[in-house]
Amino acid sequence: MIRLNVFIQVSAENRAAVLEVAKELVACSLKDKGCIAYDIFESATRSDVLMICETWQDAESLTAHEGAAHFVTLVPQIQGLASMKLEKFDF
């Protein structure tokens, strides 16, 4: 399995827009084949930090997700509003 932690640093003025797009990304991604878990979390201590946690069955599932229409449309929208940092773990 593969776990991705995507940290999103966003300004106060863009936070609501990023959350809206991220929630759409979550809803669509949960339907992708091989998606075990996909959710967005808000930091309890920093209002400028969000995190998307993803768990994928295998590399093929993750690759298919990264090519899906919702991914190639929504992720650039988030990137235009915030900075993102990715951590990847295989287990």
PDB file of N, CA and C in Angstrom:
ATOM      1  N   MET A   1       0.842  -1.182   0.000  1.00  0.00           N
ATOM      2  CA  MET A   1       0.000   0.000   0.000  1.00  0.00           C
ATOM      3  C   MET A   1       0.886   1.244   0.000  1.00  0.00           C
ATOM      4  N   ILE A   2       0.291   2.326  -0.407  1.00  0.00           N
ATOM      5  CA  ILE A   2       0.999   3.602  -0.486  1.00  0.00           C
ATOM      6  C   ILE A   2       0.192   4.640   0.286  1.00  0.00           C
ATOM      7  N   ARG A   3       0.894   5.397   1.131  1.00  0.00           N
ATOM      8  CA  ARG A   3       0.264   6.497   1.877  1.00  0.00           C
ATOM      9  C   ARG A   3       0.893   7.793   1.418  1.00  0.00           C
ATOM     10  N   LEU A   4       0.051   8.774   1.091  1.00  0.00           N
ATOM     11  CA  LEU A   4       0.505  10.121   0.767  1.00  0.00           C
ATOM     12  C   LEU A   4      -0.047  11.081   1.807  1.00  0.00           C
ATOM     13  N   ASN A   5       0.819  11.922   2.326  1.00  0.00           N
ATOM     14  CA  ASN A   5       0.409  13.038   3.174  1.00  0.00           C
ATOM     15  C   ASN A   5       0.754  14.303   2.392  1.00  0.00           C
ATOM     16  N   VAL A   6      -0.253  15.066   2.049  1.00  0.00           N
ATOM     17  CA  VAL A   6      -0.056  16.281   1.273  1.00  0.00           C
ATOM     18  C   VAL A   6      -0.354  17.474   2.173  1.00  0.00           C
ATOM     19  N   PHE A   7       0.689  18.203   2.531  1.00  0.00           N
ATOM     20  CA  PHE A   7       0.533  19.369   3.389  1.00  0.00           C
ATOM     21  C   PHE A   7       0.268  20.586   2.520  1.00  0.00           C
ATOM     22  N   ILE A   8      -0.733  21.347   2.890  1.00  0.00           N
ATOM     23  CA  ILE A   8      -1.142  22.530   2.136  1.00  0.00           C
ATOM     24  C   ILE A   8      -1.019  23.740   3.045  1.00  0.00           C
ATOM     25  N   GLN A   9      -0.207  24.704   2.647  1.00  0.00           N
ATOM     26  CA  GLN A   9      -0.110  25.951   3.396  1.00  0.00           C
ATOM     27  C   GLN A   9      -0.853  27.015   2.602  1.00  0.00           C
ATOM     28  N   VAL A  10      -1.843  27.625   3.246  1.00  0.00           N
ATOM     29  CA  VAL A  10      -2.753  28.529   2.542  1.00  0.00           C
ATOM     30  C   VAL A  10      -3.000  29.790   3.362  1.00  0.00           C
ATOM     31  N   SER A  11      -3.120  30.903   2.679  1.00  0.00           N
ATOM     32  CA  SER A  11      -3.419  32.169   3.347  1.00  0.00           C
ATOM     33  C   SER A  11      -4.878  32.199   3.792  1.00  0.00           C
ATOM     34  N   ALA A  12      -5.173  33.077   4.722  1.00  0.00           N
ATOM     35  CA  ALA A  12      -6.538  33.192   5.245  1.00  0.00           C
ATOM     36  C   ALA A  12      -7.530  33.530   4.136  1.00  0.00           C
ATOM     37  N   GLU A  13      -7.127  34.377   3.191  1.00  0.00           N
ATOM     38  CA  GLU A  13      -8.053  34.779   2.132  1.00  0.00           C
ATOM     39  C   GLU A  13      -8.333  33.673   1.121  1.00  0.00           C
ATOM     40  N   ASN A  14      -7.452  32.691   1.004  1.00  0.00           N
ATOM     41  CA  ASN A  14      -7.661  31.586   0.058  1.00  0.00           C
ATOM     42  C   ASN A  14      -8.148  30.301   0.715  1.00  0.00           C
ATOM     43  N   ARG A  15      -8.206  30.286   2.027  1.00  0.00           N
ATOM     44  CA  ARG A  15      -8.517  29.052   2.765  1.00  0.00           C
ATOM     45  C   ARG A  15      -9.860  28.450   2.366  1.00  0.00           C
ATOM     46  N   ALA A  16     -10.903  29.238   2.324  1.00  0.00           N
ATOM     47  CA  ALA A  16     -12.242  28.723   1.998  1.00  0.00           C
ATOM     48  C   ALA A  16     -12.273  28.140   0.582  1.00  0.00           C
ATOM     49  N   ALA A  17     -11.633  28.814  -0.352  1.00  0.00           N
ATOM     50  CA  ALA A  17     -11.603  28.325  -1.734  1.00  0.00           C
ATOM     51  C   ALA A  17     -10.836  27.012  -1.839  1.00  0.00           C
ATOM     52  N   VAL A  18      -9.711  26.907  -1.139  1.00  0.00           N
ATOM     53  CA  VAL A  18      -8.918  25.676  -1.153  1.00  0.00           C
ATOM     54  C   VAL A  18      -9.721  24.531  -0.543  1.00  0.00           C
ATOM     55  N   LEU A  19     -10.384  24.790   0.571  1.00  0.00           N
ATOM     56  CA  LEU A  19     -11.197  23.746   1.201  1.00  0.00           C
ATOM     57  C   LEU A  19     -12.312  23.271   0.275  1.00  0.00           C
ATOM     58  N   GLU A  20     -12.935  24.180  -0.430  1.00  0.00           N
ATOM     59  CA  GLU A  20     -14.011  23.814  -1.355  1.00  0.00           C
ATOM     60  C   GLU A  20     -13.494  22.893  -2.461  1.00  0.00           C
ATOM     61  N   VAL A  21     -12.364  23.259  -3.057  1.00  0.00           N
ATOM     62  CA  VAL A  21     -11.783  22.448  -4.128  1.00  0.00           C
ATOM     63  C   VAL A  21     -11.291  21.113  -3.560  1.00  0.00           C
ATOM     64  N   ALA A  22     -10.663  21.137  -2.395  1.00  0.00           N
ATOM     65  CA  ALA A  22     -10.147  19.909  -1.780  1.00  0.00           C
ATOM     66  C   ALA A  22     -11.276  18.942  -1.439  1.00  0.00           C
ATOM     67  N   LYS A  23     -12.390  19.439  -0.975  1.00  0.00           N
ATOM     68  CA  LYS A  23     -13.532  18.567  -0.665  1.00  0.00           C
ATOM     69  C   LYS A  23     -14.072  17.903  -1.930  1.00  0.00           C
ATOM     70  N   GLU A  24     -14.071  18.628  -3.036  1.00  0.00           N
ATOM     71  CA  GLU A  24     -14.483  18.035  -4.305  1.00  0.00           C
ATOM     72  C   GLU A  24     -13.485  16.961  -4.738  1.00  0.00           C
ATOM     73  N   LEU A  25     -12.191  17.246  -4.564  1.00  0.00           N
ATOM     74  CA  LEU A  25     -11.156  16.275  -4.883  1.00  0.00           C
ATOM     75  C   LEU A  25     -11.326  15.001  -4.056  1.00  0.00           C
ATOM     76  N   VAL A  26     -11.599  15.151  -2.786  1.00  0.00           N
ATOM     77  CA  VAL A  26     -11.811  13.994  -1.908  1.00  0.00           C
ATOM     78  C   VAL A  26     -13.007  13.169  -2.387  1.00  0.00           C
ATOM     79  N   ALA A  27     -14.130  13.827  -2.639  1.00  0.00           N
ATOM     80  CA  ALA A  27     -15.346  13.120  -3.051  1.00  0.00           C
ATOM     81  C   ALA A  27     -15.121  12.322  -4.332  1.00  0.00           C
ATOM     82  N   CYS A  28     -14.437  12.919  -5.290  1.00  0.00           N
ATOM     83  CA  CYS A  28     -14.164  12.226  -6.559  1.00  0.00           C
ATOM     84  C   CYS A  28     -13.138  11.109  -6.379  1.00  0.00           C
ATOM     85  N   SER A  29     -12.104  11.365  -5.615  1.00  0.00           N
ATOM     86  CA  SER A  29     -11.013  10.407  -5.459  1.00  0.00           C
ATOM     87  C   SER A  29     -11.443   9.155  -4.707  1.00  0.00           C
ATOM     88  N   LEU A  30     -12.367   9.290  -3.790  1.00  0.00           N
ATOM     89  CA  LEU A  30     -12.860   8.123  -3.048  1.00  0.00           C
ATOM     90  C   LEU A  30     -13.497   7.084  -3.973  1.00  0.00           C
ATOM     91  N   LYS A  31     -13.900   7.508  -5.156  1.00  0.00           N
ATOM     92  CA  LYS A  31     -14.519   6.607  -6.130  1.00  0.00           C
ATOM     93  C   LYS A  31     -13.486   5.931  -7.034  1.00  0.00           C
ATOM     94  N   ASP A  32     -12.234   6.375  -6.976  1.00  0.00           N
ATOM     95  CA  ASP A  32     -11.190   5.807  -7.823  1.00  0.00           C
ATOM     96  C   ASP A  32     -10.863   4.379  -7.403  1.00  0.00           C
ATOM     97  N   LYS A  33     -10.642   3.525  -8.395  1.00  0.00           N
ATOM     98  CA  LYS A  33     -10.271   2.140  -8.126  1.00  0.00           C
ATOM     99  C   LYS A  33      -8.954   2.112  -7.347  1.00  0.00           C
ATOM    100  N   GLY A  34      -8.917   1.334  -6.296  1.00  0.00           N
ATOM    101  CA  GLY A  34      -7.708   1.187  -5.494  1.00  0.00           C
ATOM    102  C   GLY A  34      -7.559   2.207  -4.383  1.00  0.00           C
ATOM    103  N   CYS A  35      -8.506   3.137  -4.267  1.00  0.00           N
ATOM    104  CA  CYS A  35      -8.463   4.121  -3.181  1.00  0.00           C
ATOM    105  C   CYS A  35      -8.975   3.469  -1.900  1.00  0.00           C
ATOM    106  N   ILE A  36      -8.136   3.414  -0.894  1.00  0.00           N
ATOM    107  CA  ILE A  36      -8.514   2.831   0.394  1.00  0.00           C
ATOM    108  C   ILE A  36      -9.011   3.928   1.331  1.00  0.00           C
ATOM    109  N   ALA A  37      -8.353   5.076   1.318  1.00  0.00           N
ATOM    110  CA  ALA A  37      -8.761   6.203   2.161  1.00  0.00           C
ATOM    111  C   ALA A  37      -8.312   7.502   1.494  1.00  0.00           C
ATOM    112  N   TYR A  38      -9.100   8.554   1.698  1.00  0.00           N
ATOM    113  CA  TYR A  38      -8.782   9.867   1.120  1.00  0.00           C
ATOM    114  C   TYR A  38      -9.568  10.894   1.919  1.00  0.00           C
ATOM    115  N   ASP A  39      -8.882  11.796   2.605  1.00  0.00           N
ATOM    116  CA  ASP A  39      -9.589  12.776   3.430  1.00  0.00           C
ATOM    117  C   ASP A  39      -8.739  14.022   3.582  1.00  0.00           C
ATOM    118  N   ILE A  40      -9.378  15.100   3.980  1.00  0.00           N
ATOM    119  CA  ILE A  40      -8.667  16.350   4.254  1.00  0.00           C
ATOM    120  C   ILE A  40      -8.858  16.695   5.726  1.00  0.00           C
ATOM    121  N   PHE A  41      -7.786  17.183   6.322  1.00  0.00           N
ATOM    122  CA  PHE A  41      -7.790  17.530   7.740  1.00  0.00           C
ATOM    123  C   PHE A  41      -7.327  18.968   7.918  1.00  0.00           C
ATOM    124  N   GLU A  42      -7.864  19.617   8.947  1.00  0.00           N
ATOM    125  CA  GLU A  42      -7.473  20.973   9.298  1.00  0.00           C
ATOM    126  C   GLU A  42      -6.624  20.934  10.560  1.00  0.00           C
ATOM    127  N   SER A  43      -5.546  21.683  10.595  1.00  0.00           N
ATOM    128  CA  SER A  43      -4.697  21.731  11.782  1.00  0.00           C
ATOM    129  C   SER A  43      -5.456  22.366  12.944  1.00  0.00           C
ATOM    130  N   ALA A  44      -5.285  21.795  14.120  1.00  0.00           N
ATOM    131  CA  ALA A  44      -5.904  22.344  15.327  1.00  0.00           C
ATOM    132  C   ALA A  44      -5.089  23.501  15.895  1.00  0.00           C
ATOM    133  N   THR A  45      -3.844  23.653  15.434  1.00  0.00           N
ATOM    134  CA  THR A  45      -2.973  24.674  15.995  1.00  0.00           C
ATOM    135  C   THR A  45      -2.549  25.761  15.009  1.00  0.00           C
ATOM    136  N   ARG A  46      -2.721  25.491  13.691  1.00  0.00           N
ATOM    137  CA  ARG A  46      -2.318  26.472  12.682  1.00  0.00           C
ATOM    138  C   ARG A  46      -3.418  26.608  11.643  1.00  0.00           C
ATOM    139  N   SER A  47      -4.016  27.770  11.564  1.00  0.00           N
ATOM    140  CA  SER A  47      -5.122  27.980  10.628  1.00  0.00           C
ATOM    141  C   SER A  47      -4.674  28.004   9.173  1.00  0.00           C
ATOM    142  N   ASP A  48      -3.360  28.128   8.933  1.00  0.00           N
ATOM    143  CA  ASP A  48      -2.854  28.178   7.562  1.00  0.00           C
ATOM    144  C   ASP A  48      -2.437  26.807   7.024  1.00  0.00           C
ATOM    145  N   VAL A  49      -2.682  25.733   7.782  1.00  0.00           N
ATOM    146  CA  VAL A  49      -2.239  24.398   7.369  1.00  0.00           C
ATOM    147  C   VAL A  49      -3.413  23.429   7.260  1.00  0.00           C
ATOM    148  N   LEU A  50      -3.485  22.771   6.109  1.00  0.00           N
ATOM    149  CA  LEU A  50      -4.431  21.684   5.856  1.00  0.00           C
ATOM    150  C   LEU A  50      -3.595  20.477   5.441  1.00  0.00           C
ATOM    151  N   MET A  51      -4.180  19.282   5.522  1.00  0.00           N
ATOM    152  CA  MET A  51      -3.465  18.096   5.075  1.00  0.00           C
ATOM    153  C   MET A  51      -4.436  17.120   4.427  1.00  0.00           C
ATOM    154  N   ILE A  52      -4.074  16.645   3.255  1.00  0.00           N
ATOM    155  CA  ILE A  52      -4.814  15.572   2.599  1.00  0.00           C
ATOM    156  C   ILE A  52      -4.051  14.284   2.863  1.00  0.00           C
ATOM    157  N   CYS A  53      -4.745  13.280   3.389  1.00  0.00           N
ATOM    158  CA  CYS A  53      -4.163  11.956   3.628  1.00  0.00           C
ATOM    159  C   CYS A  53      -4.805  10.981   2.656  1.00  0.00           C
ATOM    160  N   GLU A  54      -3.969  10.269   1.929  1.00  0.00           N
ATOM    161  CA  GLU A  54      -4.450   9.312   0.927  1.00  0.00           C
ATOM    162  C   GLU A  54      -3.804   7.961   1.179  1.00  0.00           C
ATOM    163  N   THR A  55      -4.569   6.894   0.998  1.00  0.00           N
ATOM    164  CA  THR A  55      -4.012   5.544   1.027  1.00  0.00           C
ATOM    165  C   THR A  55      -4.481   4.828  -0.225  1.00  0.00           C
ATOM    166  N   TRP A  56      -3.506   4.239  -0.944  1.00  0.00           N
ATOM    167  CA  TRP A  56      -3.760   3.565  -2.217  1.00  0.00           C
ATOM    168  C   TRP A  56      -3.340   2.116  -2.136  1.00  0.00           C
ATOM    169  N   GLN A  57      -4.080   1.279  -2.812  1.00  0.00           N
ATOM    170  CA  GLN A  57      -3.826  -0.163  -2.825  1.00  0.00           C
ATOM    171  C   GLN A  57      -2.456  -0.483  -3.404  1.00  0.00           C
ATOM    172  N   ASP A  58      -2.091   0.206  -4.504  1.00  0.00           N
ATOM    173  CA  ASP A  58      -0.825  -0.086  -5.173  1.00  0.00           C
ATOM    174  C   ASP A  58      -0.438   1.081  -6.081  1.00  0.00           C
ATOM    175  N   ALA A  59       0.751   0.977  -6.659  1.00  0.00           N
ATOM    176  CA  ALA A  59       1.273   2.045  -7.518  1.00  0.00           C
ATOM    177  C   ALA A  59       0.412   2.258  -8.750  1.00  0.00           C
ATOM    178  N   GLU A  60      -0.130   1.188  -9.304  1.00  0.00           N
ATOM    179  CA  GLU A  60      -0.981   1.307 -10.488  1.00  0.00           C
ATOM    180  C   GLU A  60      -2.229   2.144 -10.191  1.00  0.00           C
ATOM    181  N   SER A  61      -2.818   1.941  -9.026  1.00  0.00           N
ATOM    182  CA  SER A  61      -4.001   2.711  -8.632  1.00  0.00           C
ATOM    183  C   SER A  61      -3.663   4.185  -8.473  1.00  0.00           C
ATOM    184  N   LEU A  62      -2.520   4.462  -7.851  1.00  0.00           N
ATOM    185  CA  LEU A  62      -2.097   5.849  -7.658  1.00  0.00           C
ATOM    186  C   LEU A  62      -1.808   6.519  -8.999  1.00  0.00           C
ATOM    187  N   THR A  63      -1.156   5.807  -9.900  1.00  0.00           N
ATOM    188  CA  THR A  63      -0.856   6.357 -11.222  1.00  0.00           C
ATOM    189  C   THR A  63      -2.147   6.677 -11.982  1.00  0.00           C
ATOM    190  N   ALA A  64      -3.115   5.775 -11.909  1.00  0.00           N
ATOM    191  CA  ALA A  64      -4.402   6.019 -12.578  1.00  0.00           C
ATOM    192  C   ALA A  64      -5.089   7.241 -11.977  1.00  0.00           C
ATOM    193  N   HIS A  65      -5.038   7.373 -10.663  1.00  0.00           N
ATOM    194  CA  HIS A  65      -5.628   8.533  -9.981  1.00  0.00           C
ATOM    195  C   HIS A  65      -4.980   9.835 -10.455  1.00  0.00           C
ATOM    196  N   GLU A  66      -3.660   9.828 -10.562  1.00  0.00           N
ATOM    197  CA  GLU A  66      -2.933  11.031 -10.974  1.00  0.00           C
ATOM    198  C   GLU A  66      -3.239  11.432 -12.411  1.00  0.00           C
ATOM    199  N   GLY A  67      -3.796  10.516 -13.197  1.00  0.00           N
ATOM    200  CA  GLY A  67      -4.187  10.832 -14.567  1.00  0.00           C
ATOM    201  C   GLY A  67      -5.675  11.080 -14.735  1.00  0.00           C
ATOM    202  N   ALA A  68      -6.424  10.936 -13.650  1.00  0.00           N
ATOM    203  CA  ALA A  68      -7.880  11.113 -13.706  1.00  0.00           C
ATOM    204  C   ALA A  68      -8.247  12.574 -13.941  1.00  0.00           C
ATOM    205  N   ALA A  69      -9.371  12.789 -14.613  1.00  0.00           N
ATOM    206  CA  ALA A  69      -9.820  14.150 -14.951  1.00  0.00           C
ATOM    207  C   ALA A  69      -9.955  15.036 -13.722  1.00  0.00           C
ATOM    208  N   HIS A  70     -10.505  14.490 -12.640  1.00  0.00           N
ATOM    209  CA  HIS A  70     -10.682  15.320 -11.440  1.00  0.00           C
ATOM    210  C   HIS A  70      -9.329  15.724 -10.842  1.00  0.00           C
ATOM    211  N   PHE A  71      -8.342  14.843 -10.893  1.00  0.00           N
ATOM    212  CA  PHE A  71      -7.019  15.168 -10.353  1.00  0.00           C
ATOM    213  C   PHE A  71      -6.349  16.259 -11.184  1.00  0.00           C
ATOM    214  N   VAL A  72      -6.311  16.081 -12.505  1.00  0.00           N
ATOM    215  CA  VAL A  72      -5.607  17.038 -13.363  1.00  0.00           C
ATOM    216  C   VAL A  72      -6.327  18.381 -13.447  1.00  0.00           C
ATOM    217  N   THR A  73      -7.580  18.414 -13.048  1.00  0.00           N
ATOM    218  CA  THR A  73      -8.328  19.673 -13.020  1.00  0.00           C
ATOM    219  C   THR A  73      -8.235  20.361 -11.662  1.00  0.00           C
ATOM    220  N   LEU A  74      -8.433  19.601 -10.584  1.00  0.00           N
ATOM    221  CA  LEU A  74      -8.556  20.197  -9.255  1.00  0.00           C
ATOM    222  C   LEU A  74      -7.220  20.481  -8.565  1.00  0.00           C
ATOM    223  N   VAL A  75      -6.236  19.615  -8.714  1.00  0.00           N
ATOM    224  CA  VAL A  75      -4.954  19.833  -8.041  1.00  0.00           C
ATOM    225  C   VAL A  75      -4.287  21.136  -8.506  1.00  0.00           C
ATOM    226  N   PRO A  76      -4.261  21.435  -9.802  1.00  0.00           N
ATOM    227  CA  PRO A  76      -3.691  22.729 -10.205  1.00  0.00           C
ATOM    228  C   PRO A  76      -4.447  23.928  -9.623  1.00  0.00           C
ATOM    229  N   GLN A  77      -5.738  23.782  -9.397  1.00  0.00           N
ATOM    230  CA  GLN A  77      -6.499  24.866  -8.764  1.00  0.00           C
ATOM    231  C   GLN A  77      -6.000  25.104  -7.345  1.00  0.00           C
ATOM    232  N   ILE A  78      -5.759  24.020  -6.605  1.00  0.00           N
ATOM    233  CA  ILE A  78      -5.224  24.160  -5.250  1.00  0.00           C
ATOM    234  C   ILE A  78      -3.825  24.761  -5.303  1.00  0.00           C
ATOM    235  N   GLN A  79      -3.002  24.269  -6.222  1.00  0.00           N
ATOM    236  CA  GLN A  79      -1.633  24.781  -6.352  1.00  0.00           C
ATOM    237  C   GLN A  79      -1.598  26.268  -6.697  1.00  0.00           C
ATOM    238  N   GLY A  80      -2.623  26.747  -7.386  1.00  0.00           N
ATOM    239  CA  GLY A  80      -2.695  28.170  -7.713  1.00  0.00           C
ATOM    240  C   GLY A  80      -3.065  29.045  -6.532  1.00  0.00           C
ATOM    241  N   LEU A  81      -3.599  28.424  -5.480  1.00  0.00           N
ATOM    242  CA  LEU A  81      -4.053  29.169  -4.310  1.00  0.00           C
ATOM    243  C   LEU A  81      -3.195  28.948  -3.066  1.00  0.00           C
ATOM    244  N   ALA A  82      -2.362  27.912  -3.082  1.00  0.00           N
ATOM    245  CA  ALA A  82      -1.611  27.534  -1.884  1.00  0.00           C
ATOM    246  C   ALA A  82      -0.343  26.796  -2.284  1.00  0.00           C
ATOM    247  N   SER A  83       0.545  26.580  -1.323  1.00  0.00           N
ATOM    248  CA  SER A  83       1.723  25.758  -1.581  1.00  0.00           C
ATOM    249  C   SER A  83       1.480  24.354  -1.024  1.00  0.00           C
ATOM    250  N   MET A  84       2.038  23.364  -1.709  1.00  0.00           N
ATOM    251  CA  MET A  84       1.813  21.972  -1.323  1.00  0.00           C
ATOM    252  C   MET A  84       3.151  21.256  -1.156  1.00  0.00           C
ATOM    253  N   LYS A  85       3.202  20.364  -0.158  1.00  0.00           N
ATOM    254  CA  LYS A  85       4.383  19.535   0.081  1.00  0.00           C
ATOM    255  C   LYS A  85       3.906  18.101   0.245  1.00  0.00           C
ATOM    256  N   LEU A  86       4.558  17.163  -0.429  1.00  0.00           N
ATOM    257  CA  LEU A  86       4.134  15.765  -0.453  1.00  0.00           C
ATOM    258  C   LEU A  86       5.111  14.875   0.304  1.00  0.00           C
ATOM    259  N   GLU A  87       4.556  13.987   1.144  1.00  0.00           N
ATOM    260  CA  GLU A  87       5.327  12.904   1.770  1.00  0.00           C
ATOM    261  C   GLU A  87       4.711  11.600   1.287  1.00  0.00           C
ATOM    262  N   LYS A  88       5.565  10.651   0.878  1.00  0.00           N
ATOM    263  CA  LYS A  88       5.091   9.377   0.356  1.00  0.00           C
ATOM    264  C   LYS A  88       5.710   8.231   1.142  1.00  0.00           C
ATOM    265  N   PHE A  89       4.872   7.264   1.527  1.00  0.00           N
ATOM    266  CA  PHE A  89       5.322   6.104   2.294  1.00  0.00           C
ATOM    267  C   PHE A  89       4.767   4.839   1.664  1.00  0.00           C
ATOM    268  N   ASP A  90       5.623   3.865   1.467  1.00  0.00           N
ATOM    269  CA  ASP A  90       5.196   2.536   1.017  1.00  0.00           C
ATOM    270  C   ASP A  90       5.185   1.625   2.229  1.00  0.00           C
ATOM    271  N   PHE A  91       4.104   0.854   2.357  1.00  0.00           N
ATOM    272  CA  PHE A  91       4.033  -0.096   3.480  1.00  0.00           C
ATOM    273  C   PHE A  91       3.267  -1.332   3.102  1.00  0.00           C
TER     274      PHE A  91
END
